Amino acid sequence: MKNKLTVEIYGQQYHLTGKASPGHMRQVAGHVDEKMRQIADNNPRLDATKLAVLSAVNIADDYLKLKQEYDEIMHLIEDEQP
């Protein structure tokens, strides 16, 4: 079952469709909107396309750091098991 939802990100409406819950999709859209606004506050001359790309780079960086931490924790757990 797919959920459909309209969200606003940086002043634009987007129609999302996915298997995730509407609450989760709203949370994801809110995170992207927040990241774009943070970058725009520090770089007011950037256009929306550049803001979107820089936001994607920042979010990907956050994700990869968390994934590395998760992988390291999982490796430690596996090493402790007999």
C-alpha atoms as a PDB file:
ATOM      1  CA  MET A   1       0.000   0.000   0.000  1.00  0.00           C
ATOM      2  CA  LYS A   2       1.398   3.378  -1.018  1.00  0.00           C
ATOM      3  CA  ASN A   3       0.724   6.607   0.792  1.00  0.00           C
ATOM      4  CA  LYS A   4       0.351   9.916  -1.029  1.00  0.00           C
ATOM      5  CA  LEU A   5       1.106  13.211   0.617  1.00  0.00           C
ATOM      6  CA  THR A   6       1.661  16.828  -0.368  1.00  0.00           C
ATOM      7  CA  VAL A   7       4.454  18.587   1.502  1.00  0.00           C
ATOM      8  CA  GLU A   8       6.090  21.974   1.315  1.00  0.00           C
ATOM      9  CA  ILE A   9       9.856  22.240   1.065  1.00  0.00           C
ATOM     10  CA  TYR A  10      11.461  25.664   0.865  1.00  0.00           C
ATOM     11  CA  GLY A  11       8.245  27.287  -0.319  1.00  0.00           C
ATOM     12  CA  GLN A  12       7.456  24.720  -3.022  1.00  0.00           C
ATOM     13  CA  GLN A  13       4.843  21.993  -2.889  1.00  0.00           C
ATOM     14  CA  TYR A  14       5.837  18.419  -3.691  1.00  0.00           C
ATOM     15  CA  HIS A  15       3.639  15.363  -4.046  1.00  0.00           C
ATOM     16  CA  LEU A  16       5.272  12.374  -2.366  1.00  0.00           C
ATOM     17  CA  THR A  17       4.276   8.764  -2.849  1.00  0.00           C
ATOM     18  CA  GLY A  18       5.790   5.935  -0.838  1.00  0.00           C
ATOM     19  CA  LYS A  19       5.364   2.984   1.441  1.00  0.00           C
ATOM     20  CA  ALA A  20       6.493   4.951   4.491  1.00  0.00           C
ATOM     21  CA  SER A  21       3.902   6.358   6.869  1.00  0.00           C
ATOM     22  CA  PRO A  22       2.634   9.881   6.204  1.00  0.00           C
ATOM     23  CA  GLY A  23       4.243  10.960   9.476  1.00  0.00           C
ATOM     24  CA  HIS A  24       7.614   9.665   8.355  1.00  0.00           C
ATOM     25  CA  MET A  25       7.298  11.355   4.968  1.00  0.00           C
ATOM     26  CA  ARG A  26       6.421  14.647   6.697  1.00  0.00           C
ATOM     27  CA  GLN A  27       9.440  14.241   8.969  1.00  0.00           C
ATOM     28  CA  VAL A  28      11.762  13.652   5.993  1.00  0.00           C
ATOM     29  CA  ALA A  29      10.345  16.651   4.119  1.00  0.00           C
ATOM     30  CA  GLY A  30      10.674  18.774   7.259  1.00  0.00           C
ATOM     31  CA  HIS A  31      14.313  17.756   7.632  1.00  0.00           C
ATOM     32  CA  VAL A  32      15.086  18.711   4.032  1.00  0.00           C
ATOM     33  CA  ASP A  33      13.229  22.028   4.433  1.00  0.00           C
ATOM     34  CA  GLU A  34      15.094  22.785   7.651  1.00  0.00           C
ATOM     35  CA  LYS A  35      18.478  21.980   6.092  1.00  0.00           C
ATOM     36  CA  MET A  36      17.749  24.183   3.063  1.00  0.00           C
ATOM     37  CA  ARG A  37      16.711  27.069   5.292  1.00  0.00           C
ATOM     38  CA  GLN A  38      19.831  26.722   7.459  1.00  0.00           C
ATOM     39  CA  ILE A  39      22.066  26.855   4.399  1.00  0.00           C
ATOM     40  CA  ALA A  40      20.064  29.763   2.919  1.00  0.00           C
ATOM     41  CA  ASP A  41      20.442  31.718   6.165  1.00  0.00           C
ATOM     42  CA  ASN A  42      24.231  31.429   5.879  1.00  0.00           C
ATOM     43  CA  ASN A  43      24.324  31.911   2.080  1.00  0.00           C
ATOM     44  CA  PRO A  44      21.487  34.269   1.093  1.00  0.00           C
ATOM     45  CA  ARG A  45      22.681  34.657  -2.522  1.00  0.00           C
ATOM     46  CA  LEU A  46      22.368  30.983  -3.454  1.00  0.00           C
ATOM     47  CA  ASP A  47      19.545  29.981  -5.779  1.00  0.00           C
ATOM     48  CA  ALA A  48      17.173  27.119  -4.935  1.00  0.00           C
ATOM     49  CA  THR A  49      19.041  24.598  -7.104  1.00  0.00           C
ATOM     50  CA  LYS A  50      22.350  25.230  -5.370  1.00  0.00           C
ATOM     51  CA  LEU A  51      20.620  25.173  -1.983  1.00  0.00           C
ATOM     52  CA  ALA A  52      19.085  21.809  -2.840  1.00  0.00           C
ATOM     53  CA  VAL A  53      22.432  20.339  -3.930  1.00  0.00           C
ATOM     54  CA  LEU A  54      24.272  21.657  -0.869  1.00  0.00           C
ATOM     55  CA  SER A  55      21.484  20.322   1.340  1.00  0.00           C
ATOM     56  CA  ALA A  56      21.768  16.921  -0.306  1.00  0.00           C
ATOM     57  CA  VAL A  57      25.542  16.944   0.222  1.00  0.00           C
ATOM     58  CA  ASN A  58      25.115  17.876   3.898  1.00  0.00           C
ATOM     59  CA  ILE A  59      22.435  15.233   4.473  1.00  0.00           C
ATOM     60  CA  ALA A  60      24.527  12.592   2.680  1.00  0.00           C
ATOM     61  CA  ASP A  61      27.519  13.539   4.845  1.00  0.00           C
ATOM     62  CA  ASP A  62      25.426  13.168   8.012  1.00  0.00           C
ATOM     63  CA  TYR A  63      24.127   9.806   6.793  1.00  0.00           C
ATOM     64  CA  LEU A  64      27.571   8.436   5.934  1.00  0.00           C
ATOM     65  CA  LYS A  65      28.987   9.503   9.309  1.00  0.00           C
ATOM     66  CA  LEU A  66      26.120   7.784  11.120  1.00  0.00           C
ATOM     67  CA  LYS A  67      26.490   4.681   8.948  1.00  0.00           C
ATOM     68  CA  GLN A  68      30.202   4.505   9.745  1.00  0.00           C
ATOM     69  CA  GLU A  69      29.466   4.803  13.476  1.00  0.00           C
ATOM     70  CA  TYR A  70      26.789   2.106  13.187  1.00  0.00           C
ATOM     71  CA  ASP A  71      29.140  -0.212  11.297  1.00  0.00           C
ATOM     72  CA  GLU A  72      31.847   0.299  13.924  1.00  0.00           C
ATOM     73  CA  ILE A  73      29.408  -0.466  16.752  1.00  0.00           C
ATOM     74  CA  MET A  74      28.150  -3.573  14.961  1.00  0.00           C
ATOM     75  CA  HIS A  75      31.748  -4.712  14.434  1.00  0.00           C
ATOM     76  CA  LEU A  76      32.460  -4.270  18.161  1.00  0.00           C
ATOM     77  CA  ILE A  77      29.334  -6.237  19.066  1.00  0.00           C
ATOM     78  CA  GLU A  78      30.247  -9.043  16.678  1.00  0.00           C
ATOM     79  CA  ASP A  79      33.793  -9.201  18.114  1.00  0.00           C
ATOM     80  CA  GLU A  80      32.395  -9.615  21.651  1.00  0.00           C
ATOM     81  CA  GLN A  81      30.202 -12.582  20.758  1.00  0.00           C
ATOM     82  CA  PRO A  82      31.757 -16.029  21.362  1.00  0.00           C
END
